[in-house]
Amino acid sequence: MSASKCLDEDLLQKIKSERSEAYLIRLIDLFLKDAPIRIEEAWMGGKAKDLRKVAVATHILRCLAENVGAITIRDLCSAAEASAEGGKEAAMFLSHILFDLEIAYVETRNCLMEAKHGMSG
């Protein structure tokens, strides 16, 4: 998958031009470090039927995703948040969303690594 299919290239360019390439690399590194932790927290919350924990973990992950233009992760986190806040009926779809989120993370990680590789920093 190319970076342009899973990342908001315009946002990445904007960050590089308004801040710096080094700043963007730090954002990407933060995302790559923290995202797996937040995904694991969401799974643990789901297993414990702690929907608040799921909502908090996916909210933080959504914010991180927005910072690096990770479109699919942002959208899946929004769906997970809504599902976690929607009560038991909505939460029954949560495991499917979290599974899709894990797959999206792997794809997005590859896209971010590709984007990072194309930078000089």
Protein backbone atom coordinates (compact mmCIF):
# COMPACT_ATOMS: atom_id res chain seq x y z
CA MET A 1 0.00 0.00 0.00
CA SER A 2 1.43 3.37 -0.90
CA ALA A 3 1.63 6.15 1.64
CA SER A 4 -0.89 8.20 -0.31
CA LYS A 5 -3.58 5.54 0.22
CA CYS A 6 -3.41 5.48 4.00
CA LEU A 7 -2.04 8.91 4.88
CA ASP A 8 -3.16 12.46 4.30
CA GLU A 9 -0.19 13.56 2.19
CA ASP A 10 -1.35 17.19 2.22
CA LEU A 11 -1.24 17.24 6.01
CA LEU A 12 2.24 15.72 6.06
CA GLN A 13 3.48 18.36 3.62
CA LYS A 14 1.83 21.11 5.65
CA ILE A 15 3.55 19.94 8.84
CA LYS A 16 6.91 19.78 7.07
CA SER A 17 6.52 23.27 5.61
CA GLU A 18 5.01 24.99 8.67
CA ARG A 19 7.08 23.23 11.34
CA SER A 20 9.94 21.08 10.04
CA GLU A 21 10.77 17.66 8.76
CA ALA A 22 12.38 16.83 12.10
CA TYR A 23 9.13 17.77 13.89
CA LEU A 24 7.13 15.49 11.57
CA ILE A 25 9.54 12.64 12.20
CA ARG A 26 9.07 13.11 15.96
CA LEU A 27 5.27 13.01 15.49
CA ILE A 28 5.56 9.83 13.46
CA ASP A 29 7.85 8.24 16.05
CA LEU A 30 5.43 9.17 18.85
CA PHE A 31 2.56 7.63 16.92
CA LEU A 32 4.51 4.44 16.20
CA LYS A 33 5.51 4.13 19.85
CA ASP A 34 2.14 4.94 21.43
CA ALA A 35 -0.40 3.45 19.00
CA PRO A 36 0.22 -0.22 19.90
CA ILE A 37 -0.14 0.67 23.59
CA ARG A 38 -3.50 2.37 22.96
CA ILE A 39 -4.74 -0.54 20.82
CA GLU A 40 -3.82 -2.97 23.61
CA GLU A 41 -5.60 -0.75 26.18
CA ALA A 42 -8.70 -0.76 23.99
CA TRP A 43 -8.62 -4.57 23.74
CA MET A 44 -8.13 -4.91 27.51
CA GLY A 45 -11.04 -2.56 28.12
CA GLY A 46 -13.20 -4.54 25.73
CA LYS A 47 -12.34 -7.85 27.37
CA ALA A 48 -13.12 -6.37 30.80
CA LYS A 49 -16.36 -4.85 29.45
CA ASP A 50 -14.96 -1.47 30.51
CA LEU A 51 -16.34 0.67 27.70
CA ARG A 52 -14.96 3.86 29.22
CA LYS A 53 -11.44 2.45 28.97
CA VAL A 54 -12.08 1.57 25.33
CA ALA A 55 -13.43 5.05 24.62
CA VAL A 56 -10.46 6.77 26.28
CA ALA A 57 -7.85 4.59 24.54
CA THR A 58 -9.44 5.03 21.11
CA HIS A 59 -9.91 8.76 21.67
CA ILE A 60 -6.21 9.20 22.42
CA LEU A 61 -5.30 7.05 19.43
CA ARG A 62 -7.63 9.08 17.19
CA CYS A 63 -5.86 12.27 18.26
CA LEU A 64 -2.46 10.73 17.54
CA ALA A 65 -3.72 9.53 14.15
CA GLU A 66 -5.02 13.01 13.28
CA ASN A 67 -1.56 14.44 14.03
CA VAL A 68 0.10 12.24 11.40
CA GLY A 69 -2.73 12.07 8.88
CA ALA A 70 -3.52 8.39 9.54
CA ILE A 71 -6.96 8.53 7.94
CA THR A 72 -8.15 4.94 8.36
CA ILE A 73 -7.06 4.76 11.98
CA ARG A 74 -8.72 8.09 12.72
CA ASP A 75 -12.00 6.85 11.23
CA LEU A 76 -11.88 3.47 12.98
CA CYS A 77 -11.14 5.16 16.30
CA SER A 78 -14.13 7.44 15.81
CA ALA A 79 -16.29 4.38 15.18
CA ALA A 80 -14.85 2.60 18.24
CA GLU A 81 -15.46 5.65 20.43
CA ALA A 82 -19.06 5.91 19.23
CA SER A 83 -19.59 2.20 19.75
CA ALA A 84 -18.11 2.28 23.26
CA GLU A 85 -20.26 5.26 24.18
CA GLY A 86 -23.38 3.80 22.59
CA GLY A 87 -24.10 1.22 25.25
CA LYS A 88 -24.26 -2.56 25.09
CA GLU A 89 -26.07 -2.81 21.75
CA ALA A 90 -23.52 -0.65 19.94
CA ALA A 91 -20.61 -2.25 21.79
CA MET A 92 -21.35 -5.66 20.29
CA PHE A 93 -19.57 -4.45 17.13
CA LEU A 94 -16.56 -3.22 19.05
CA SER A 95 -14.42 -6.34 18.63
CA HIS A 96 -14.83 -6.12 14.84
CA ILE A 97 -13.76 -2.47 14.88
CA LEU A 98 -10.75 -3.22 17.10
CA PHE A 99 -9.72 -6.09 14.83
CA ASP A 100 -9.92 -3.76 11.82
CA LEU A 101 -7.96 -1.19 13.82
CA GLU A 102 -5.11 -3.65 14.36
CA ILE A 103 -4.95 -4.41 10.64
CA ALA A 104 -5.08 -0.70 9.81
CA TYR A 105 -2.26 -0.02 12.25
CA VAL A 106 0.04 -2.48 10.47
CA GLU A 107 -0.76 -0.92 7.10
CA THR A 108 -0.39 2.61 8.46
CA ARG A 109 2.88 1.76 10.22
CA ASN A 110 4.25 0.58 6.87
CA CYS A 111 3.05 3.77 5.16
CA LEU A 112 4.59 5.96 7.87
CA MET A 113 7.88 4.07 7.70
CA GLU A 114 7.86 4.56 3.91
CA ALA A 115 7.14 8.29 4.35
CA LYS A 116 9.87 8.58 6.98
CA HIS A 117 12.33 6.77 4.74
CA GLY A 118 11.70 9.38 2.05
CA MET A 119 12.76 12.17 4.42
CA SER A 120 16.31 13.23 5.10
CA GLY A 121 15.98 13.60 8.90
